[in-house]
């Protein structure tokens, strides 16, 4: 048996939430491109075991480059609603982890149910640990690497991206993952983006479903 090394994985993020502040638009040179870094808030609501309403707000750093900055964000303001499709990336100038937007749609202020979804293929790149939270919930914790490609308007070409993110899987699925996933396992992950309670607000994937894919065997 030999491990399968993916060279082109998929990473798709969809967010629907509210702008935390009015976007500040600036311009890059050679070529001239509009760019903005904004913060989008999404709120996850659920009921606990006592059927009490709970909610948690996540704040996503989103980078937008190119014509969609002026077409979708020129008149956007604090509290407005944005629908964003993109992928996770590492900021090249700041030590933060971002969503790089590939499409943005702008709506005026108003109430809407948030969307916070990520679907990706990934490779396990650490040990899988079965742990217990402070509320006695079982979860599996491990890191994954994602190698994907995206078009860069600044470079006018498709460029490779490699990111590593922690993943948490809860409940019965956690036990299954801890027993069957190992380093180099290929996964399909569905879930939401969350952020660690540390100074960097590190990005992590809170998985709702994890599929372990078959590996290629040597002939």
N, C-alpha and C. Protein backbone atom coordinates (compact mmCIF):
# COMPACT_ATOMS: atom_id res chain seq x y z
N UNK A 1 0.84 -1.20 0.00
CA UNK A 1 0.00 0.00 0.00
C UNK A 1 0.88 1.25 0.00
N UNK A 2 0.42 2.28 -0.73
CA UNK A 2 1.11 3.56 -0.68
C UNK A 2 0.09 4.67 -0.47
N UNK A 3 0.49 5.73 0.18
CA UNK A 3 -0.45 6.81 0.45
C UNK A 3 -0.66 7.63 -0.81
N UNK A 4 -1.87 8.17 -0.96
CA UNK A 4 -2.22 8.98 -2.11
C UNK A 4 -2.00 10.45 -1.76
N UNK A 5 -1.22 11.15 -2.57
CA UNK A 5 -0.93 12.56 -2.32
C UNK A 5 -1.70 13.42 -3.32
N UNK A 6 -2.71 14.16 -2.84
CA UNK A 6 -3.52 14.98 -3.72
C UNK A 6 -2.74 16.21 -4.16
N UNK A 7 -2.83 16.54 -5.45
CA UNK A 7 -2.15 17.72 -5.96
C UNK A 7 -3.12 18.86 -6.22
N UNK A 8 -4.41 18.56 -6.30
CA UNK A 8 -5.38 19.61 -6.53
C UNK A 8 -6.66 19.27 -5.76
N UNK A 9 -6.77 19.83 -4.57
CA UNK A 9 -7.95 19.59 -3.75
C UNK A 9 -8.91 20.76 -3.88
N UNK A 10 -10.08 20.60 -3.34
CA UNK A 10 -11.13 21.61 -3.45
C UNK A 10 -11.34 22.30 -2.12
N UNK A 11 -11.66 23.59 -2.16
CA UNK A 11 -11.93 24.35 -0.94
C UNK A 11 -12.96 25.43 -1.28
N UNK A 12 -14.16 25.29 -0.76
CA UNK A 12 -15.24 26.21 -1.08
C UNK A 12 -15.90 26.71 0.20
N UNK A 13 -15.92 28.03 0.37
CA UNK A 13 -16.53 28.67 1.54
C UNK A 13 -17.68 29.55 1.08
N UNK A 14 -18.81 29.48 1.78
CA UNK A 14 -19.95 30.37 1.52
C UNK A 14 -20.35 31.01 2.84
N UNK A 15 -20.41 32.35 2.85
CA UNK A 15 -20.79 33.10 4.03
C UNK A 15 -21.90 34.07 3.70
N UNK A 16 -22.87 34.18 4.57
CA UNK A 16 -23.90 35.22 4.49
C UNK A 16 -23.97 35.86 5.86
N UNK A 17 -23.62 37.15 5.94
CA UNK A 17 -23.57 37.80 7.24
C UNK A 17 -23.56 39.31 7.10
N UNK A 18 -23.30 39.99 8.21
CA UNK A 18 -23.35 41.44 8.27
C UNK A 18 -21.96 42.05 8.34
N UNK A 19 -21.78 43.16 7.65
CA UNK A 19 -20.54 43.91 7.71
C UNK A 19 -20.34 44.52 9.09
N UNK A 20 -19.17 44.34 9.66
CA UNK A 20 -18.86 44.91 10.97
C UNK A 20 -18.53 46.40 10.85
N UNK A 21 -17.97 46.80 9.70
CA UNK A 21 -17.62 48.21 9.48
C UNK A 21 -17.65 48.50 7.99
N UNK A 22 -17.74 49.75 7.63
CA UNK A 22 -17.71 50.15 6.23
C UNK A 22 -16.38 49.77 5.61
N UNK A 23 -16.35 49.11 4.47
CA UNK A 23 -15.08 48.71 3.86
C UNK A 23 -14.24 49.92 3.44
N UNK A 24 -12.94 49.82 3.68
CA UNK A 24 -12.00 50.84 3.21
C UNK A 24 -11.34 50.31 1.94
N UNK A 25 -11.58 51.00 0.84
CA UNK A 25 -11.07 50.56 -0.46
C UNK A 25 -9.75 51.25 -0.77
N UNK A 26 -8.77 50.47 -1.19
CA UNK A 26 -7.50 51.02 -1.63
C UNK A 26 -7.17 50.41 -3.00
N UNK A 27 -6.06 50.86 -3.59
CA UNK A 27 -5.75 50.42 -4.95
C UNK A 27 -4.31 49.93 -5.04
N UNK A 28 -4.15 48.80 -5.72
CA UNK A 28 -2.83 48.27 -6.01
C UNK A 28 -2.37 48.80 -7.37
N UNK A 29 -1.06 48.80 -7.58
CA UNK A 29 -0.51 49.24 -8.86
C UNK A 29 0.07 48.06 -9.62
N UNK A 30 0.14 48.21 -10.93
CA UNK A 30 0.81 47.23 -11.82
C UNK A 30 0.29 45.80 -11.68
N UNK A 31 -0.95 45.51 -12.07
CA UNK A 31 -1.95 46.41 -12.63
C UNK A 31 -2.74 47.12 -11.52
N UNK A 32 -3.50 48.14 -11.91
CA UNK A 32 -4.33 48.86 -10.94
C UNK A 32 -5.54 48.01 -10.60
N UNK A 33 -5.65 47.66 -9.33
CA UNK A 33 -6.75 46.82 -8.86
C UNK A 33 -7.28 47.36 -7.54
N UNK A 34 -8.60 47.41 -7.41
CA UNK A 34 -9.21 47.76 -6.14
C UNK A 34 -9.09 46.59 -5.17
N UNK A 35 -8.88 46.88 -3.90
CA UNK A 35 -8.76 45.83 -2.90
C UNK A 35 -9.32 46.33 -1.57
N UNK A 36 -9.93 45.46 -0.81
CA UNK A 36 -10.40 45.81 0.53
C UNK A 36 -10.33 44.59 1.43
N UNK A 37 -10.09 44.85 2.71
CA UNK A 37 -10.13 43.82 3.74
C UNK A 37 -11.29 44.17 4.67
N UNK A 38 -12.23 43.26 4.81
CA UNK A 38 -13.41 43.55 5.62
C UNK A 38 -13.65 42.44 6.62
N UNK A 39 -14.50 42.73 7.59
CA UNK A 39 -14.88 41.73 8.60
C UNK A 39 -16.37 41.46 8.48
N UNK A 40 -16.72 40.19 8.36
CA UNK A 40 -18.11 39.76 8.19
C UNK A 40 -18.51 38.92 9.40
N UNK A 41 -19.65 39.24 9.98
CA UNK A 41 -20.13 38.52 11.16
C UNK A 41 -21.23 37.54 10.77
N UNK A 42 -21.08 36.28 11.19
CA UNK A 42 -22.14 35.28 11.04
C UNK A 42 -22.48 34.73 12.42
N UNK A 43 -23.76 34.42 12.63
CA UNK A 43 -24.21 33.94 13.93
C UNK A 43 -24.81 32.55 13.81
N UNK A 44 -24.30 31.64 14.62
CA UNK A 44 -24.78 30.25 14.66
C UNK A 44 -25.69 30.10 15.87
N UNK A 45 -26.91 29.61 15.64
CA UNK A 45 -27.89 29.44 16.72
C UNK A 45 -28.28 27.98 16.85
N UNK A 46 -28.44 27.51 18.09
CA UNK A 46 -28.81 26.13 18.35
C UNK A 46 -29.45 26.02 19.73
N UNK A 47 -29.98 24.83 20.03
CA UNK A 47 -30.53 24.54 21.36
C UNK A 47 -29.63 23.54 22.07
N UNK A 48 -29.38 23.78 23.37
CA UNK A 48 -28.55 22.85 24.13
C UNK A 48 -29.40 21.69 24.63
N UNK A 49 -28.81 20.82 25.46
CA UNK A 49 -29.53 19.65 25.94
C UNK A 49 -30.75 20.00 26.78
N UNK A 50 -30.73 21.17 27.39
CA UNK A 50 -31.88 21.65 28.18
C UNK A 50 -32.86 22.44 27.33
N UNK A 51 -32.65 22.41 26.00
CA UNK A 51 -33.51 23.12 25.04
C UNK A 51 -33.48 24.64 25.23
N UNK A 52 -32.37 25.13 25.75
CA UNK A 52 -32.19 26.57 25.86
C UNK A 52 -31.53 27.10 24.59
N UNK A 53 -31.99 28.27 24.15
CA UNK A 53 -31.44 28.87 22.94
C UNK A 53 -30.00 29.35 23.19
N UNK A 54 -29.11 28.97 22.28
CA UNK A 54 -27.72 29.39 22.35
C UNK A 54 -27.34 30.02 21.03
N UNK A 55 -26.36 30.92 21.06
CA UNK A 55 -25.84 31.47 19.82
C UNK A 55 -24.38 31.86 19.97
N UNK A 56 -23.68 31.84 18.83
CA UNK A 56 -22.27 32.19 18.81
C UNK A 56 -21.98 32.94 17.53
N UNK A 57 -21.35 34.10 17.66
CA UNK A 57 -21.03 34.92 16.49
C UNK A 57 -19.57 34.76 16.12
N UNK A 58 -19.32 34.47 14.85
CA UNK A 58 -17.96 34.37 14.33
C UNK A 58 -17.66 35.58 13.47
N UNK A 59 -16.42 36.06 13.54
CA UNK A 59 -16.00 37.23 12.78
C UNK A 59 -14.94 36.79 11.78
N UNK A 60 -15.29 36.90 10.50
CA UNK A 60 -14.44 36.40 9.43
C UNK A 60 -13.71 37.56 8.75
N UNK A 61 -12.38 37.41 8.59
CA UNK A 61 -11.60 38.38 7.82
C UNK A 61 -11.67 37.98 6.35
N UNK A 62 -12.20 38.88 5.53
CA UNK A 62 -12.42 38.59 4.11
C UNK A 62 -11.62 39.58 3.26
N UNK A 63 -10.88 39.04 2.29
CA UNK A 63 -10.13 39.88 1.35
C UNK A 63 -10.83 39.84 0.00
N UNK A 64 -11.07 41.04 -0.58
CA UNK A 64 -11.73 41.14 -1.87
C UNK A 64 -10.83 41.94 -2.80
N UNK A 65 -10.58 41.41 -4.00
CA UNK A 65 -9.68 42.04 -4.96
C UNK A 65 -10.36 42.10 -6.32
N UNK A 66 -10.18 43.23 -7.03
CA UNK A 66 -10.63 43.31 -8.41
C UNK A 66 -11.91 44.08 -8.61
N UNK A 67 -12.55 43.87 -9.77
CA UNK A 67 -13.71 44.65 -10.17
C UNK A 67 -14.88 44.51 -9.20
N UNK A 68 -15.01 43.36 -8.53
CA UNK A 68 -16.15 43.17 -7.63
C UNK A 68 -16.08 44.08 -6.41
N UNK A 69 -14.91 44.65 -6.10
CA UNK A 69 -14.81 45.59 -4.99
C UNK A 69 -15.69 46.80 -5.27
N UNK A 70 -15.55 47.39 -6.47
CA UNK A 70 -16.32 48.58 -6.80
C UNK A 70 -17.76 48.24 -7.18
N UNK A 71 -17.97 47.10 -7.82
CA UNK A 71 -19.33 46.76 -8.25
C UNK A 71 -20.22 46.35 -7.08
N UNK A 72 -19.63 45.71 -6.03
CA UNK A 72 -20.44 45.20 -4.93
C UNK A 72 -20.26 45.97 -3.63
N UNK A 73 -19.11 46.65 -3.46
CA UNK A 73 -18.79 47.20 -2.13
C UNK A 73 -18.60 48.71 -2.09
N UNK A 74 -18.70 49.36 -3.23
CA UNK A 74 -18.44 50.79 -3.26
C UNK A 74 -19.39 51.56 -2.33
N UNK A 75 -20.65 51.10 -2.24
CA UNK A 75 -21.64 51.79 -1.42
C UNK A 75 -22.05 50.95 -0.20
N UNK A 76 -21.29 49.91 0.10
CA UNK A 76 -21.60 49.08 1.26
C UNK A 76 -21.27 49.81 2.55
N UNK A 77 -22.04 49.55 3.61
CA UNK A 77 -21.85 50.24 4.88
C UNK A 77 -22.00 49.26 6.03
N UNK A 78 -21.62 49.71 7.21
CA UNK A 78 -21.73 48.89 8.42
C UNK A 78 -23.15 48.36 8.58
N UNK A 79 -23.29 47.07 8.86
CA UNK A 79 -24.58 46.45 9.07
C UNK A 79 -25.21 45.88 7.82
N UNK A 80 -24.69 46.24 6.63
CA UNK A 80 -25.23 45.68 5.40
C UNK A 80 -24.94 44.18 5.33
N UNK A 81 -25.69 43.50 4.50
CA UNK A 81 -25.57 42.04 4.35
C UNK A 81 -24.73 41.73 3.12
N UNK A 82 -23.79 40.80 3.27
CA UNK A 82 -22.98 40.32 2.16
C UNK A 82 -23.11 38.82 2.01
N UNK A 83 -23.21 38.37 0.76
CA UNK A 83 -23.07 36.96 0.41
C UNK A 83 -21.72 36.79 -0.25
N UNK A 84 -20.87 35.96 0.33
CA UNK A 84 -19.49 35.79 -0.13
C UNK A 84 -19.24 34.34 -0.47
N UNK A 85 -18.63 34.11 -1.62
CA UNK A 85 -18.12 32.78 -1.97
C UNK A 85 -16.62 32.91 -2.18
N UNK A 86 -15.86 31.99 -1.59
CA UNK A 86 -14.41 32.07 -1.72
C UNK A 86 -13.72 30.85 -1.17
N UNK A 87 -12.49 31.03 -0.70
CA UNK A 87 -11.69 29.93 -0.17
C UNK A 87 -10.83 30.44 0.97
N UNK A 88 -10.38 29.53 1.83
CA UNK A 88 -9.52 29.94 2.94
C UNK A 88 -8.09 30.09 2.45
N UNK A 89 -7.38 31.06 3.02
CA UNK A 89 -6.00 31.36 2.61
C UNK A 89 -5.26 31.98 3.77
N UNK A 90 -3.96 32.09 3.62
CA UNK A 90 -3.12 32.79 4.59
C UNK A 90 -2.81 34.18 4.05
N UNK A 91 -3.00 35.20 4.87
CA UNK A 91 -2.66 36.55 4.46
C UNK A 91 -1.15 36.67 4.29
N UNK A 92 -0.71 37.24 3.17
CA UNK A 92 0.72 37.28 2.87
C UNK A 92 1.44 38.41 3.58
N UNK A 93 0.70 39.40 4.10
CA UNK A 93 1.34 40.55 4.74
C UNK A 93 1.07 40.62 6.24
N UNK A 94 0.07 39.89 6.72
CA UNK A 94 -0.26 39.91 8.15
C UNK A 94 -0.41 38.47 8.64
N UNK A 95 -0.11 38.21 9.91
CA UNK A 95 -0.23 36.84 10.44
C UNK A 95 -1.68 36.48 10.80
N UNK A 96 -2.57 36.59 9.81
CA UNK A 96 -3.97 36.21 10.03
C UNK A 96 -4.40 35.26 8.93
N UNK A 97 -5.46 34.52 9.22
CA UNK A 97 -6.00 33.54 8.28
C UNK A 97 -7.32 34.09 7.76
N UNK A 98 -7.50 34.08 6.45
CA UNK A 98 -8.58 34.82 5.82
C UNK A 98 -9.44 33.95 4.93
N UNK A 99 -10.54 34.54 4.47
CA UNK A 99 -11.31 34.02 3.35
C UNK A 99 -11.03 34.94 2.17
N UNK A 100 -10.55 34.39 1.08
CA UNK A 100 -10.30 35.18 -0.13
C UNK A 100 -11.54 35.06 -1.01
N UNK A 101 -12.21 36.19 -1.26
CA UNK A 101 -13.48 36.18 -1.98
C UNK A 101 -13.28 35.97 -3.48
N UNK A 102 -14.12 35.12 -4.07
CA UNK A 102 -14.17 34.95 -5.51
C UNK A 102 -15.44 35.56 -6.10
N UNK A 103 -16.45 35.78 -5.27
CA UNK A 103 -17.69 36.43 -5.68
C UNK A 103 -18.33 37.06 -4.46
N UNK A 104 -18.92 38.25 -4.64
CA UNK A 104 -19.57 38.98 -3.55
C UNK A 104 -20.87 39.58 -4.05
N UNK A 105 -21.93 39.45 -3.25
CA UNK A 105 -23.20 40.12 -3.54
C UNK A 105 -23.60 40.93 -2.32
N UNK A 106 -24.07 42.16 -2.56
CA UNK A 106 -24.36 43.12 -1.50
C UNK A 106 -25.86 43.34 -1.38
N UNK A 107 -26.36 43.33 -0.11
CA UNK A 107 -27.76 43.62 0.19
C UNK A 107 -27.81 44.70 1.27
N UNK A 108 -28.89 45.47 1.33
CA UNK A 108 -28.99 46.52 2.38
C UNK A 108 -29.16 45.90 3.76
N UNK A 109 -29.13 46.76 4.78
CA UNK A 109 -29.32 46.32 6.16
C UNK A 109 -30.65 45.59 6.32
N UNK A 110 -30.65 44.65 7.24
CA UNK A 110 -31.88 43.89 7.51
C UNK A 110 -31.54 42.59 8.19
N UNK A 111 -32.55 41.90 8.69
CA UNK A 111 -32.31 40.64 9.39
C UNK A 111 -32.30 39.49 8.39
N UNK A 112 -31.37 38.60 8.55
CA UNK A 112 -31.33 37.38 7.75
C UNK A 112 -30.65 36.28 8.55
N UNK A 113 -31.03 35.06 8.31
CA UNK A 113 -30.33 33.93 8.92
C UNK A 113 -28.95 33.81 8.29
N UNK A 114 -27.94 33.65 9.12
CA UNK A 114 -26.56 33.57 8.62
C UNK A 114 -26.29 32.24 7.91
N UNK A 115 -25.33 32.29 7.01
CA UNK A 115 -24.78 31.09 6.39
C UNK A 115 -23.28 31.07 6.66
N UNK A 116 -22.77 29.94 7.10
CA UNK A 116 -21.34 29.76 7.35
C UNK A 116 -21.02 28.31 7.00
N UNK A 117 -20.56 28.11 5.77
CA UNK A 117 -20.34 26.76 5.28
C UNK A 117 -18.97 26.62 4.64
N UNK A 118 -18.32 25.50 4.89
CA UNK A 118 -17.11 25.15 4.17
C UNK A 118 -17.22 23.69 3.73
N UNK A 119 -16.86 23.44 2.48
CA UNK A 119 -16.75 22.09 1.95
C UNK A 119 -15.38 21.98 1.31
N UNK A 120 -14.62 20.98 1.70
CA UNK A 120 -13.27 20.86 1.16
C UNK A 120 -12.81 19.42 1.17
N UNK A 121 -11.83 19.13 0.33
CA UNK A 121 -11.09 17.88 0.43
C UNK A 121 -9.76 18.21 1.08
N UNK A 122 -9.23 17.28 1.86
CA UNK A 122 -8.05 17.60 2.67
C UNK A 122 -7.30 16.32 3.03
N UNK A 123 -6.06 16.52 3.49
CA UNK A 123 -5.21 15.41 3.91
C UNK A 123 -4.89 15.56 5.39
N UNK A 124 -5.10 14.51 6.16
CA UNK A 124 -4.75 14.54 7.58
C UNK A 124 -3.23 14.66 7.71
N UNK A 125 -2.78 15.64 8.51
CA UNK A 125 -1.33 15.86 8.63
C UNK A 125 -0.87 15.88 10.10
N UNK A 126 -1.63 15.22 10.98
CA UNK A 126 -1.24 15.10 12.38
C UNK A 126 -1.88 13.85 12.96
N UNK A 127 -1.55 13.55 14.20
CA UNK A 127 -2.27 12.48 14.89
C UNK A 127 -3.71 12.90 15.13
N UNK A 128 -4.61 11.92 15.17
CA UNK A 128 -6.01 12.18 15.49
C UNK A 128 -6.21 11.88 16.98
N UNK A 129 -6.61 12.90 17.73
CA UNK A 129 -6.76 12.75 19.18
C UNK A 129 -8.23 12.81 19.58
N UNK A 130 -8.64 11.86 20.38
CA UNK A 130 -9.99 11.84 20.93
C UNK A 130 -9.95 12.54 22.29
N UNK A 131 -10.78 13.59 22.45
CA UNK A 131 -10.70 14.43 23.64
C UNK A 131 -12.09 14.66 24.21
N UNK A 132 -12.13 15.26 25.40
CA UNK A 132 -13.39 15.61 26.07
C UNK A 132 -13.38 17.09 26.40
N UNK A 133 -14.46 17.78 26.04
CA UNK A 133 -14.54 19.22 26.30
C UNK A 133 -14.87 19.47 27.76
N UNK A 134 -14.83 20.74 28.16
CA UNK A 134 -15.16 21.11 29.54
C UNK A 134 -16.61 20.84 29.87
N UNK A 135 -17.45 20.64 28.84
CA UNK A 135 -18.86 20.29 29.07
C UNK A 135 -19.10 18.80 28.85
N UNK A 136 -18.02 18.01 28.92
CA UNK A 136 -18.08 16.54 28.82
C UNK A 136 -18.62 16.07 27.47
N UNK A 137 -18.29 16.80 26.42
CA UNK A 137 -18.63 16.37 25.06
C UNK A 137 -17.38 15.78 24.41
N UNK A 138 -17.54 14.66 23.74
CA UNK A 138 -16.43 13.99 23.07
C UNK A 138 -16.19 14.60 21.70
N UNK A 139 -14.93 14.86 21.38
CA UNK A 139 -14.61 15.35 20.04
C UNK A 139 -13.24 14.84 19.62
N UNK A 140 -13.06 14.74 18.31
CA UNK A 140 -11.77 14.38 17.73
C UNK A 140 -11.12 15.65 17.20
N UNK A 141 -9.82 15.76 17.42
CA UNK A 141 -9.07 16.94 17.00
C UNK A 141 -7.86 16.51 16.18
N UNK A 142 -7.65 17.17 15.05
CA UNK A 142 -6.51 16.86 14.19
C UNK A 142 -6.30 18.02 13.21
N UNK A 143 -5.15 18.03 12.55
CA UNK A 143 -4.85 19.05 11.54
C UNK A 143 -4.99 18.46 10.15
N UNK A 144 -5.38 19.31 9.20
CA UNK A 144 -5.42 18.89 7.80
C UNK A 144 -4.68 19.92 6.95
N UNK A 145 -4.15 19.45 5.83
CA UNK A 145 -3.57 20.34 4.83
C UNK A 145 -4.45 20.30 3.59
N UNK A 146 -4.60 21.45 2.96
CA UNK A 146 -5.42 21.58 1.75
C UNK A 146 -4.56 22.22 0.67
N UNK A 147 -4.40 21.53 -0.45
CA UNK A 147 -3.65 22.05 -1.59
C UNK A 147 -4.65 22.34 -2.71
N UNK A 148 -4.90 23.61 -2.97
CA UNK A 148 -5.87 23.94 -4.02
C UNK A 148 -5.32 25.06 -4.89
N UNK A 149 -6.05 25.38 -5.96
CA UNK A 149 -5.62 26.39 -6.92
C UNK A 149 -6.71 27.43 -7.10
N UNK A 150 -6.32 28.67 -7.37
CA UNK A 150 -7.29 29.74 -7.59
C UNK A 150 -6.69 30.78 -8.52
N UNK A 151 -7.55 31.46 -9.25
CA UNK A 151 -7.09 32.49 -10.17
C UNK A 151 -6.74 33.76 -9.41
N UNK A 152 -5.58 34.33 -9.68
CA UNK A 152 -5.13 35.58 -9.07
C UNK A 152 -5.29 36.71 -10.08
N UNK A 153 -6.15 37.70 -9.75
CA UNK A 153 -6.31 38.84 -10.64
C UNK A 153 -5.04 39.69 -10.66
N UNK A 154 -4.32 39.71 -9.56
CA UNK A 154 -3.10 40.51 -9.50
C UNK A 154 -2.02 39.93 -10.40
N UNK A 155 -1.87 38.60 -10.39
CA UNK A 155 -0.86 37.94 -11.22
C UNK A 155 -1.41 37.53 -12.58
N UNK A 156 -2.76 37.57 -12.71
CA UNK A 156 -3.43 37.18 -13.95
C UNK A 156 -3.10 35.73 -14.35
N UNK A 157 -3.09 34.87 -13.35
CA UNK A 157 -2.83 33.46 -13.60
C UNK A 157 -3.36 32.63 -12.43
N UNK A 158 -3.46 31.33 -12.66
CA UNK A 158 -3.87 30.42 -11.61
C UNK A 158 -2.65 30.12 -10.73
N UNK A 159 -2.83 30.29 -9.41
CA UNK A 159 -1.72 30.07 -8.48
C UNK A 159 -2.11 29.00 -7.46
N UNK A 160 -1.12 28.24 -6.98
CA UNK A 160 -1.40 27.22 -5.97
C UNK A 160 -1.47 27.82 -4.58
N UNK A 161 -2.29 27.22 -3.73
CA UNK A 161 -2.39 27.60 -2.32
C UNK A 161 -2.24 26.34 -1.47
N UNK A 162 -1.54 26.47 -0.36
CA UNK A 162 -1.43 25.38 0.60
C UNK A 162 -1.71 25.96 1.99
N UNK A 163 -2.74 25.42 2.64
CA UNK A 163 -3.10 25.88 3.97
C UNK A 163 -3.21 24.69 4.91
N UNK A 164 -2.96 24.93 6.18
CA UNK A 164 -3.13 23.92 7.21
C UNK A 164 -4.09 24.48 8.25
N UNK A 165 -5.10 23.69 8.63
CA UNK A 165 -6.07 24.14 9.60
C UNK A 165 -6.41 23.01 10.59
N UNK A 166 -6.68 23.36 11.85
CA UNK A 166 -7.20 22.36 12.79
C UNK A 166 -8.66 22.02 12.44
N UNK A 167 -9.03 20.78 12.73
CA UNK A 167 -10.41 20.33 12.53
C UNK A 167 -10.91 19.72 13.83
N UNK A 168 -12.18 20.00 14.16
CA UNK A 168 -12.83 19.37 15.29
C UNK A 168 -14.07 18.64 14.80
N UNK A 169 -14.22 17.39 15.25
CA UNK A 169 -15.38 16.57 14.90
C UNK A 169 -16.02 16.10 16.20
N UNK A 170 -17.35 16.25 16.32
CA UNK A 170 -18.02 16.01 17.58
C UNK A 170 -18.90 14.76 17.55
N UNK A 171 -19.22 14.25 18.75
CA UNK A 171 -20.21 13.18 18.90
C UNK A 171 -19.74 11.84 18.41
N UNK A 172 -20.70 11.05 17.87
CA UNK A 172 -20.40 9.70 17.42
C UNK A 172 -19.38 9.68 16.28
N UNK A 173 -19.43 10.71 15.44
CA UNK A 173 -18.48 10.77 14.33
C UNK A 173 -17.05 10.89 14.84
N UNK A 174 -16.87 11.50 16.01
CA UNK A 174 -15.53 11.66 16.57
C UNK A 174 -14.90 10.31 16.85
N UNK A 175 -15.67 9.40 17.41
CA UNK A 175 -15.16 8.06 17.71
C UNK A 175 -14.77 7.34 16.43
N UNK A 176 -15.60 7.46 15.40
CA UNK A 176 -15.32 6.79 14.12
C UNK A 176 -14.03 7.34 13.50
N UNK A 177 -13.89 8.66 13.49
CA UNK A 177 -12.70 9.28 12.90
C UNK A 177 -11.45 8.88 13.67
N UNK A 178 -11.54 8.85 15.00
CA UNK A 178 -10.36 8.51 15.80
C UNK A 178 -9.91 7.07 15.57
N UNK A 179 -10.85 6.20 15.19
CA UNK A 179 -10.52 4.80 14.98
C UNK A 179 -10.07 4.49 13.55
N UNK A 180 -10.49 5.33 12.57
CA UNK A 180 -10.25 4.98 11.18
C UNK A 180 -9.36 5.96 10.41
N UNK A 181 -9.25 7.20 10.88
CA UNK A 181 -8.42 8.17 10.16
C UNK A 181 -7.01 8.21 10.76
N UNK A 182 -6.02 8.25 9.89
CA UNK A 182 -4.63 8.34 10.32
C UNK A 182 -3.94 9.41 9.48
N UNK A 183 -2.69 9.69 9.81
CA UNK A 183 -1.95 10.67 9.02
C UNK A 183 -1.90 10.22 7.56
N UNK A 184 -2.15 11.17 6.65
CA UNK A 184 -2.22 10.98 5.20
C UNK A 184 -3.56 10.46 4.71
N UNK A 185 -4.52 10.22 5.62
CA UNK A 185 -5.87 9.88 5.17
C UNK A 185 -6.45 11.04 4.37
N UNK A 186 -7.19 10.68 3.31
CA UNK A 186 -7.85 11.68 2.48
C UNK A 186 -9.31 11.84 2.94
N UNK A 187 -9.71 13.09 3.20
CA UNK A 187 -11.02 13.36 3.76
C UNK A 187 -11.81 14.33 2.88
N UNK A 188 -13.13 14.19 2.93
CA UNK A 188 -14.04 15.23 2.46
C UNK A 188 -14.72 15.78 3.71
N UNK A 189 -14.64 17.10 3.90
CA UNK A 189 -15.12 17.72 5.14
C UNK A 189 -16.22 18.72 4.81
N UNK A 190 -17.33 18.63 5.55
CA UNK A 190 -18.38 19.63 5.50
C UNK A 190 -18.51 20.22 6.90
N UNK A 191 -18.65 21.53 6.98
CA UNK A 191 -18.78 22.13 8.30
C UNK A 191 -18.87 23.64 8.24
N UNK A 192 -18.41 24.27 9.32
CA UNK A 192 -18.42 25.74 9.38
C UNK A 192 -17.05 26.21 9.86
N UNK A 193 -16.76 27.46 9.56
CA UNK A 193 -15.52 28.06 10.02
C UNK A 193 -15.72 28.64 11.41
N UNK A 194 -14.79 28.34 12.29
CA UNK A 194 -14.81 28.89 13.64
C UNK A 194 -13.43 29.46 13.94
N UNK A 195 -13.28 30.04 15.14
CA UNK A 195 -12.03 30.71 15.46
C UNK A 195 -11.65 30.43 16.90
N UNK A 196 -10.38 30.09 17.10
CA UNK A 196 -9.89 29.76 18.43
C UNK A 196 -9.87 31.00 19.31
N UNK A 197 -10.01 30.76 20.60
CA UNK A 197 -9.99 31.86 21.56
C UNK A 197 -8.56 32.18 21.97
N UNK A 198 -7.76 32.61 20.97
CA UNK A 198 -6.39 33.00 21.24
C UNK A 198 -6.13 34.38 20.63
N UNK A 199 -4.94 34.88 20.82
CA UNK A 199 -4.64 36.24 20.36
C UNK A 199 -4.75 36.37 18.84
N UNK A 200 -4.38 35.31 18.13
CA UNK A 200 -4.43 35.34 16.67
C UNK A 200 -5.83 35.06 16.12
N UNK A 201 -6.76 34.61 16.99
CA UNK A 201 -8.08 34.18 16.54
C UNK A 201 -7.94 33.18 15.39
N UNK A 202 -7.14 32.16 15.62
CA UNK A 202 -6.79 31.20 14.58
C UNK A 202 -8.04 30.52 14.03
N UNK A 203 -8.04 30.35 12.72
CA UNK A 203 -9.17 29.77 12.02
C UNK A 203 -9.16 28.25 12.16
N UNK A 204 -10.33 27.66 12.41
CA UNK A 204 -10.44 26.20 12.47
C UNK A 204 -11.73 25.77 11.80
N UNK A 205 -11.79 24.49 11.47
CA UNK A 205 -12.97 23.92 10.82
C UNK A 205 -13.74 23.09 11.84
N UNK A 206 -14.97 23.51 12.10
CA UNK A 206 -15.88 22.78 12.98
C UNK A 206 -16.72 21.88 12.10
N UNK A 207 -16.33 20.61 12.01
CA UNK A 207 -16.91 19.70 11.01
C UNK A 207 -18.26 19.16 11.46
N UNK A 208 -19.20 19.12 10.52
CA UNK A 208 -20.49 18.48 10.75
C UNK A 208 -20.52 17.08 10.13
N UNK A 209 -19.77 16.89 9.03
CA UNK A 209 -19.63 15.57 8.42
C UNK A 209 -18.20 15.42 7.91
N UNK A 210 -17.65 14.23 8.09
CA UNK A 210 -16.32 13.92 7.57
C UNK A 210 -16.40 12.57 6.87
N UNK A 211 -15.98 12.52 5.63
CA UNK A 211 -15.98 11.29 4.85
C UNK A 211 -14.53 10.87 4.62
N UNK A 212 -14.18 9.64 4.98
CA UNK A 212 -12.85 9.12 4.74
C UNK A 212 -12.84 8.44 3.37
N UNK A 213 -11.94 8.91 2.49
CA UNK A 213 -11.92 8.41 1.12
C UNK A 213 -10.96 7.23 1.00
N UNK A 214 -11.24 6.34 0.05
CA UNK A 214 -10.33 5.21 -0.15
C UNK A 214 -8.99 5.69 -0.67
N UNK A 215 -7.93 4.96 -0.35
CA UNK A 215 -6.59 5.30 -0.80
C UNK A 215 -6.20 4.42 -1.98
N UNK A 216 -5.35 4.95 -2.84
CA UNK A 216 -4.87 4.18 -3.98
C UNK A 216 -3.88 3.13 -3.49
N UNK A 217 -3.96 1.96 -4.04
CA UNK A 217 -3.05 0.87 -3.67
C UNK A 217 -2.00 0.69 -4.74
N UNK A 218 -0.85 0.23 -4.33
CA UNK A 218 0.21 -0.03 -5.30
C UNK A 218 -0.11 -1.26 -6.10
N UNK A 219 0.32 -1.29 -7.35
CA UNK A 219 0.02 -2.43 -8.22
C UNK A 219 1.02 -3.56 -7.98
